Amino acid sequence: MSAAAETPRRFTLQGRAAPAQWAAMLALSLAFALVFEAMRLPAALLLGPMAGAIVIGAFDGAVRVPVPPFLLAQAVVGCLMARSLSGSVFVHLAHDWPVFLTTVFSVIVASSALGWLLAYLKVMPGSVAIWGSSPGAATAMTLLAEQHGADIRLVAFMQYTRVVLVAIAATVISRIFMGASGAHPPSPPFFPPLHALALVETLALVAFSALVGVRFRTPGGPLLLSMFGGAALQMAGLITIELPPWLLTLSYAAVGWTIGLRFTRPILAYVGRALPRVALSIVTLIAICGGFAFALVHIAGVDPLTAYLATSPGGADSVAIIANASNADTPYVVALQAARFLIVLAVGPPIARFVAKRTPPVAVE
């Protein structure tokens, strides 16, 4: 019997027409998104397209998201972050800055130490381990990681695994210890009434941020420009950021597809082997942050649920939703999460470079 006869043929999308591949990816993305929404998983509208694209990539799909839509999607994510950076956030930061800074740096030190351990044990490459462990907005961290040379696929795997685990832990804590209902706020209509001027202003900011970010080749330029520019313009009362669900859905799809299509069978096998140790590091970080929350309760007099949600390591958007659905102090939670995100933006790249230079290389593919 020949070697060719002994080797079972596997299904492949090589040679299939691009429209057929796009249609399959759209169908898979919708199916996954609906399942994740039914499971109440955070970021379901991003995880669904990412999962659909991973399936297509694993079967040798050749379709790719063009660069311009991906850059525009980054700028939309930046506007989403800018919308949470309201003046009340900075009022909280100014009032309790010693407590905020101490808590933020404690979480960053803990996450960086666990990232270094994953790199030292050769579970993940050094830069991936740090970016993947960085607490903050998962989508933003993933996009910025690629701009700084980390493997976006592995960073996305680490970030979104943590998002899910943190959201589960935060939901359980809110229900058990504070008697929160755990009810989710009703989803807004997909095509809500729009403020035309606000939408035009937002789209102009998105387009400007994408163009300037590319022109000056700033790492994470579209995201950072729209985030800081949008926050400044919003606090000055010059614009209102309007992000209808359909625009966010399109942006999440562009980001999810771009990341997911880069996965290959060897990468998926590598991720499967790394999952137990990565999950253990995430659970350890959640427990450490729980300790910081305990200290925040006794030192600063913050209520337990607010302290826990404020110190939760990542998934800032899902944590804010849980805080809003419970009796936690939502502005305090958002303020501490935003402060940590801003500081991670500053210290993340040098920490990642430092660890990458001092840990052994890891063969991924």
Protein backbone atom coordinates (compact mmCIF):
# COMPACT_ATOMS: atom_id res chain seq x y z
CA MET A 1 0.00 0.00 0.00
CA SER A 2 1.40 3.39 -0.96
CA ALA A 3 2.13 6.16 1.50
CA ALA A 4 -0.47 8.33 -0.20
CA ALA A 5 -3.12 5.66 0.38
CA GLU A 6 -2.19 5.36 4.06
CA THR A 7 -2.53 9.10 4.73
CA PRO A 8 -6.17 10.16 5.13
CA ARG A 9 -7.11 13.20 3.12
CA ARG A 10 -8.27 16.17 5.16
CA PHE A 11 -10.74 18.78 4.08
CA THR A 12 -9.15 21.93 2.71
CA LEU A 13 -10.38 25.22 1.30
CA GLN A 14 -7.40 25.57 -1.01
CA GLY A 15 -8.59 26.25 -4.52
CA ARG A 16 -12.11 27.16 -3.41
CA ALA A 17 -13.50 30.41 -4.80
CA ALA A 18 -13.10 33.46 -2.58
CA PRO A 19 -16.86 34.26 -2.52
CA ALA A 20 -17.56 30.74 -1.22
CA GLN A 21 -14.94 31.17 1.52
CA TRP A 22 -16.38 34.56 2.53
CA ALA A 23 -19.89 33.09 2.61
CA ALA A 24 -18.73 30.22 4.81
CA MET A 25 -16.92 32.60 7.16
CA LEU A 26 -19.95 34.89 7.43
CA ALA A 27 -22.21 31.94 8.26
CA LEU A 28 -19.80 30.55 10.84
CA SER A 29 -19.25 33.99 12.39
CA LEU A 30 -22.98 34.56 12.81
CA ALA A 31 -23.50 31.09 14.28
CA PHE A 32 -20.67 31.47 16.79
CA ALA A 33 -21.78 35.00 17.74
CA LEU A 34 -25.34 33.81 18.42
CA VAL A 35 -24.08 30.94 20.55
CA PHE A 36 -21.73 33.23 22.52
CA GLU A 37 -24.52 35.79 22.99
CA ALA A 38 -26.80 33.03 24.31
CA MET A 39 -24.03 32.02 26.73
CA ARG A 40 -23.72 35.68 27.82
CA LEU A 41 -20.03 35.68 27.00
CA PRO A 42 -18.42 39.14 26.86
CA ALA A 43 -17.30 40.47 23.49
CA ALA A 44 -19.47 37.89 21.70
CA LEU A 45 -19.69 40.08 18.59
CA LEU A 46 -15.89 39.99 18.31
CA LEU A 47 -15.33 36.41 19.47
CA GLY A 48 -17.92 35.07 16.99
CA PRO A 49 -16.18 36.41 13.86
CA MET A 50 -12.80 35.46 15.33
CA ALA A 51 -13.93 31.86 15.90
CA GLY A 52 -15.46 31.67 12.41
CA ALA A 53 -12.25 32.96 10.87
CA ILE A 54 -10.15 30.51 12.91
CA VAL A 55 -12.13 27.64 11.38
CA ILE A 56 -11.56 29.02 7.88
CA GLY A 57 -7.85 29.60 8.59
CA ALA A 58 -7.44 26.11 10.03
CA PHE A 59 -8.73 24.66 6.75
CA ASP A 60 -6.30 26.67 4.64
CA GLY A 61 -8.64 29.52 3.71
CA ALA A 62 -6.98 32.18 1.58
CA VAL A 63 -9.33 35.15 2.08
CA ARG A 64 -7.99 38.18 3.95
CA VAL A 65 -9.48 41.40 5.31
CA PRO A 66 -8.12 44.39 3.33
CA VAL A 67 -5.88 46.72 5.34
CA PRO A 68 -8.06 49.89 5.18
CA PRO A 69 -11.14 48.33 6.87
CA PHE A 70 -8.89 46.89 9.59
CA LEU A 71 -7.31 50.29 10.27
CA LEU A 72 -10.72 51.96 10.37
CA ALA A 73 -11.94 49.27 12.77
CA GLN A 74 -9.00 50.02 15.08
CA ALA A 75 -10.01 53.68 15.10
CA VAL A 76 -13.60 52.75 15.98
CA VAL A 77 -12.31 50.70 18.93
CA GLY A 78 -10.32 53.76 19.98
CA CYS A 79 -13.51 55.85 19.92
CA LEU A 80 -15.19 53.22 22.07
CA MET A 81 -12.42 53.62 24.65
CA ALA A 82 -12.62 57.41 24.39
CA ARG A 83 -16.32 57.35 25.22
CA SER A 84 -15.52 55.86 28.65
CA LEU A 85 -12.87 58.50 29.41
CA SER A 86 -15.30 61.13 30.64
CA GLY A 87 -14.52 64.02 32.96
CA SER A 88 -15.91 62.11 35.95
CA VAL A 89 -13.18 59.50 35.51
CA PHE A 90 -10.45 62.10 35.96
CA VAL A 91 -12.30 63.63 38.92
CA HIS A 92 -12.14 60.25 40.65
CA LEU A 93 -8.46 59.89 39.71
CA ALA A 94 -7.57 63.32 41.08
CA HIS A 95 -9.45 62.71 44.33
CA ASP A 96 -8.03 59.27 45.18
CA TRP A 97 -4.79 59.21 43.14
CA PRO A 98 -2.54 57.61 45.84
CA VAL A 99 -4.92 54.65 46.22
CA PHE A 100 -5.48 54.40 42.47
CA LEU A 101 -1.79 54.42 41.61
CA THR A 102 -0.89 51.90 44.32
CA THR A 103 -3.63 49.54 43.20
CA VAL A 104 -2.87 49.94 39.50
CA PHE A 105 0.87 49.32 39.84
CA SER A 106 0.26 46.35 42.14
CA VAL A 107 -1.90 44.68 39.48
CA ILE A 108 0.61 45.51 36.73
CA VAL A 109 3.52 44.08 38.75
CA ALA A 110 1.56 40.88 39.45
CA SER A 111 0.52 40.42 35.82
CA SER A 112 4.03 41.15 34.55
CA ALA A 113 5.52 38.63 36.99
CA LEU A 114 3.13 35.94 35.80
CA GLY A 115 3.89 36.88 32.19
CA TRP A 116 7.61 36.59 32.87
CA LEU A 117 7.03 33.15 34.44
CA LEU A 118 5.18 31.95 31.34
CA ALA A 119 8.06 33.20 29.20
CA TYR A 120 10.71 31.66 31.48
CA LEU A 121 8.93 28.29 31.37
CA LYS A 122 8.73 28.59 27.55
CA VAL A 123 4.95 28.46 27.55
CA MET A 124 4.83 31.63 25.46
CA PRO A 125 7.40 33.91 23.76
CA GLY A 126 8.51 36.76 26.00
CA SER A 127 6.72 39.67 24.34
CA VAL A 128 3.55 37.59 23.87
CA ALA A 129 3.56 36.56 27.54
CA ILE A 130 3.72 40.18 28.72
CA TRP A 131 1.18 41.59 26.28
CA GLY A 132 -1.12 38.62 26.78
CA SER A 133 -0.94 39.05 30.56
CA SER A 134 -1.35 42.84 30.48
CA PRO A 135 -4.54 43.92 32.24
CA GLY A 136 -6.62 46.31 30.20
CA ALA A 137 -9.04 46.43 27.30
CA ALA A 138 -8.46 43.12 25.53
CA THR A 139 -9.05 44.35 21.98
CA ALA A 140 -6.80 47.36 22.44
CA MET A 141 -4.03 45.28 24.04
CA THR A 142 -4.20 42.74 21.22
CA LEU A 143 -4.02 45.37 18.47
CA LEU A 144 -1.20 47.27 20.16
CA ALA A 145 0.76 44.07 20.78
CA GLU A 146 1.05 43.38 17.06
CA GLN A 147 2.27 46.91 16.43
CA HIS A 148 5.07 46.24 18.92
CA GLY A 149 6.12 42.96 17.31
CA ALA A 150 4.20 40.36 19.34
CA ASP A 151 2.28 37.50 17.71
CA ILE A 152 -1.30 38.81 17.54
CA ARG A 153 -2.75 35.29 17.46
CA LEU A 154 -1.20 34.20 20.75
CA VAL A 155 -1.88 37.54 22.44
CA ALA A 156 -5.53 37.32 21.38
CA PHE A 157 -5.73 33.77 22.75
CA MET A 158 -4.38 34.89 26.14
CA GLN A 159 -6.38 38.12 26.33
CA TYR A 160 -9.75 36.65 25.45
CA THR A 161 -9.28 33.57 27.60
CA ARG A 162 -8.78 35.99 30.49
CA VAL A 163 -11.79 38.09 29.45
CA VAL A 164 -14.05 35.04 29.70
CA LEU A 165 -12.60 33.81 33.01
CA VAL A 166 -12.64 37.28 34.59
CA ALA A 167 -16.24 37.86 33.50
CA ILE A 168 -17.32 34.51 34.94
CA ALA A 169 -15.54 35.20 38.24
CA ALA A 170 -16.92 38.74 38.48
CA THR A 171 -20.46 37.57 37.77
CA VAL A 172 -20.24 34.83 40.41
CA ILE A 173 -18.82 37.28 42.98
CA SER A 174 -21.53 39.83 42.27
CA ARG A 175 -24.28 37.24 42.69
CA ILE A 176 -22.98 35.37 45.71
CA PHE A 177 -21.51 38.05 47.93
CA MET A 178 -23.62 41.08 47.10
CA GLY A 179 -26.90 39.53 46.06
CA ALA A 180 -26.79 41.17 42.63
CA SER A 181 -29.38 39.86 40.25
CA GLY A 182 -26.87 39.20 37.50
CA ALA A 183 -29.39 40.54 35.04
CA HIS A 184 -27.97 41.93 31.84
CA PRO A 185 -29.19 45.29 30.60
CA PRO A 186 -31.37 44.96 27.50
CA SER A 187 -29.47 45.09 24.23
CA PRO A 188 -29.93 48.33 22.29
CA PRO A 189 -31.66 48.12 18.90
CA PHE A 190 -29.31 47.30 16.05
CA PHE A 191 -30.46 50.34 14.06
CA PRO A 192 -31.33 52.92 16.71
CA PRO A 193 -32.35 56.51 15.98
CA LEU A 194 -29.19 58.42 15.11
CA HIS A 195 -27.88 61.87 15.81
CA ALA A 196 -26.67 62.59 12.29
CA LEU A 197 -24.17 65.30 13.22
CA ALA A 198 -22.64 63.22 16.02
CA LEU A 199 -22.27 60.23 13.68
CA VAL A 200 -20.61 62.38 11.02
CA GLU A 201 -18.22 63.81 13.64
CA THR A 202 -17.36 60.31 14.86
CA LEU A 203 -16.77 58.95 11.35
CA ALA A 204 -14.60 61.97 10.54
CA LEU A 205 -12.52 61.28 13.66
CA VAL A 206 -12.24 57.60 12.68
CA ALA A 207 -11.09 58.43 9.14
CA PHE A 208 -8.65 61.10 10.31
CA SER A 209 -7.13 58.81 12.96
CA ALA A 210 -6.67 55.97 10.48
CA LEU A 211 -5.05 58.21 7.86
CA VAL A 212 -2.72 60.02 10.26
CA GLY A 213 -1.83 56.83 12.12
CA VAL A 214 -0.76 55.16 8.88
CA ARG A 215 0.99 58.26 7.57
CA PHE A 216 3.28 58.58 10.60
CA ARG A 217 3.54 54.83 11.22
CA THR A 218 2.83 55.20 14.93
CA PRO A 219 2.44 51.84 16.73
CA GLY A 220 -1.29 51.48 17.28
CA GLY A 221 -1.72 54.92 15.69
CA PRO A 222 -5.38 54.69 14.57
CA LEU A 223 -6.50 53.34 17.95
CA LEU A 224 -4.47 55.72 20.11
CA LEU A 225 -5.25 58.82 18.03
CA SER A 226 -8.99 58.20 18.06
CA MET A 227 -8.94 57.31 21.76
CA PHE A 228 -6.99 60.31 23.06
CA GLY A 229 -8.27 62.71 20.41
CA GLY A 230 -11.85 61.60 20.93
CA ALA A 231 -11.57 61.85 24.72
CA ALA A 232 -10.11 65.37 24.51
CA LEU A 233 -12.72 66.59 22.02
CA GLN A 234 -15.51 64.96 23.99
CA MET A 235 -14.46 66.52 27.32
CA ALA A 236 -14.12 69.91 25.59
CA GLY A 237 -17.69 69.58 24.38
CA LEU A 238 -16.65 69.78 20.73
CA ILE A 239 -18.02 66.40 19.62
CA THR A 240 -20.35 63.66 20.78
CA ILE A 241 -19.10 60.16 20.04
CA GLU A 242 -21.88 58.20 18.32
CA LEU A 243 -21.24 54.47 17.92
CA PRO A 244 -24.39 52.66 16.75
CA PRO A 245 -24.42 48.87 17.21
CA TRP A 246 -24.15 48.21 13.47
CA LEU A 247 -20.90 50.21 13.28
CA LEU A 248 -19.43 48.40 16.28
CA THR A 249 -20.49 45.04 14.84
CA LEU A 250 -18.77 45.75 11.52
CA SER A 251 -15.63 46.91 13.33
CA TYR A 252 -15.55 43.89 15.63
CA ALA A 253 -15.97 41.63 12.60
CA ALA A 254 -13.04 43.27 10.80
CA VAL A 255 -10.82 42.88 13.86
CA GLY A 256 -11.99 39.32 14.63
CA TRP A 257 -11.56 38.14 11.04
CA THR A 258 -8.12 39.73 10.72
CA ILE A 259 -6.90 37.93 13.83
CA GLY A 260 -8.70 34.63 13.26
CA LEU A 261 -7.59 34.12 9.66
CA ARG A 262 -3.97 34.06 10.81
CA PHE A 263 -4.48 30.90 12.84
CA THR A 264 -3.15 27.70 11.34
CA ARG A 265 -3.34 24.10 12.50
CA PRO A 266 0.15 24.21 14.09
CA ILE A 267 -0.81 27.39 16.00
CA LEU A 268 -4.03 25.80 17.23
CA ALA A 269 -2.10 22.74 18.39
CA TYR A 270 0.35 25.01 20.21
CA VAL A 271 -2.50 26.94 21.84
CA GLY A 272 -4.13 23.70 22.97
CA ARG A 273 -0.94 22.56 24.68
CA ALA A 274 -0.46 25.94 26.35
CA LEU A 275 -4.07 26.38 27.52
CA PRO A 276 -3.83 24.62 30.92
CA ARG A 277 -0.82 26.64 32.07
CA VAL A 278 -2.18 29.91 30.64
CA ALA A 279 -5.52 29.31 32.37
CA LEU A 280 -3.70 28.57 35.64
CA SER A 281 -1.80 31.85 35.39
CA ILE A 282 -5.06 33.72 34.76
CA VAL A 283 -6.80 32.12 37.74
CA THR A 284 -3.76 32.98 39.86
CA LEU A 285 -3.92 36.62 38.72
CA ILE A 286 -7.66 36.75 39.49
CA ALA A 287 -6.93 35.47 43.00
CA ILE A 288 -4.11 37.99 43.52
CA CYS A 289 -6.37 40.81 42.38
CA GLY A 290 -8.96 39.54 44.84
CA GLY A 291 -6.34 40.09 47.53
CA PHE A 292 -5.80 43.65 46.31
CA ALA A 293 -9.56 44.18 46.46
CA PHE A 294 -9.57 42.96 50.07
CA ALA A 295 -6.86 45.50 50.90
CA LEU A 296 -8.82 48.23 49.10
CA VAL A 297 -11.87 47.47 51.24
CA HIS A 298 -9.96 47.74 54.53
CA ILE A 299 -7.62 50.60 53.62
CA ALA A 300 -9.81 52.85 51.49
CA GLY A 301 -13.24 51.86 52.79
CA VAL A 302 -14.51 50.83 49.34
CA ASP A 303 -17.41 48.38 49.31
CA PRO A 304 -16.36 44.79 48.50
CA LEU A 305 -18.09 44.42 45.12
CA THR A 306 -16.81 47.77 43.84
CA ALA A 307 -13.29 46.90 45.01
CA TYR A 308 -13.36 43.51 43.33
CA LEU A 309 -14.68 44.80 40.02
CA ALA A 310 -12.27 47.74 40.03
CA THR A 311 -9.24 45.48 40.50
CA SER A 312 -10.38 42.69 38.13
CA PRO A 313 -7.54 42.09 35.64
CA GLY A 314 -8.97 43.04 32.30
CA GLY A 315 -12.16 42.90 30.35
CA ALA A 316 -12.89 46.51 31.28
CA ASP A 317 -16.02 46.67 29.15
CA SER A 318 -17.58 43.48 30.51
CA VAL A 319 -16.64 44.43 34.09
CA ALA A 320 -18.32 47.82 33.59
CA ILE A 321 -21.49 46.06 32.38
CA ILE A 322 -21.51 43.83 35.46
CA ALA A 323 -20.95 46.84 37.71
CA ASN A 324 -23.81 48.68 36.05
CA ALA A 325 -26.14 45.71 36.53
CA SER A 326 -25.30 45.44 40.25
CA ASN A 327 -25.10 47.84 43.15
CA ALA A 328 -21.41 48.64 42.65
CA ASP A 329 -20.01 52.17 42.27
CA THR A 330 -19.71 52.11 38.46
CA PRO A 331 -17.82 55.45 38.06
CA TYR A 332 -15.21 54.25 40.57
CA VAL A 333 -14.84 50.93 38.74
CA VAL A 334 -14.48 52.62 35.36
CA ALA A 335 -12.02 55.18 36.75
CA LEU A 336 -9.64 52.57 38.15
CA GLN A 337 -9.91 50.37 35.07
CA ALA A 338 -9.24 53.38 32.81
CA ALA A 339 -6.27 54.49 34.92
CA ARG A 340 -4.75 51.03 34.67
CA PHE A 341 -5.28 50.91 30.91
CA LEU A 342 -3.56 54.28 30.42
CA ILE A 343 -0.58 53.26 32.56
CA VAL A 344 -0.26 49.90 30.77
CA LEU A 345 -0.08 51.81 27.49
CA ALA A 346 3.00 53.60 28.85
CA VAL A 347 4.82 50.76 30.61
CA GLY A 348 3.71 47.76 28.53
CA PRO A 349 6.10 48.12 25.57
CA PRO A 350 9.32 48.57 27.62
CA ILE A 351 8.38 45.68 29.94
CA ALA A 352 7.69 43.44 26.94
CA ARG A 353 11.04 44.33 25.35
CA PHE A 354 12.86 43.78 28.65
CA VAL A 355 11.36 40.32 29.17
CA ALA A 356 11.79 39.28 25.52
CA LYS A 357 15.52 39.99 25.68
CA ARG A 358 15.99 38.01 28.90
CA THR A 359 13.95 34.89 28.31
CA PRO A 360 14.65 31.93 26.02
CA PRO A 361 13.13 31.95 22.54
CA VAL A 362 10.07 29.77 21.98
CA ALA A 363 9.40 27.93 18.72
CA VAL A 364 5.73 28.36 17.85
CA GLU A 365 5.47 26.93 14.32
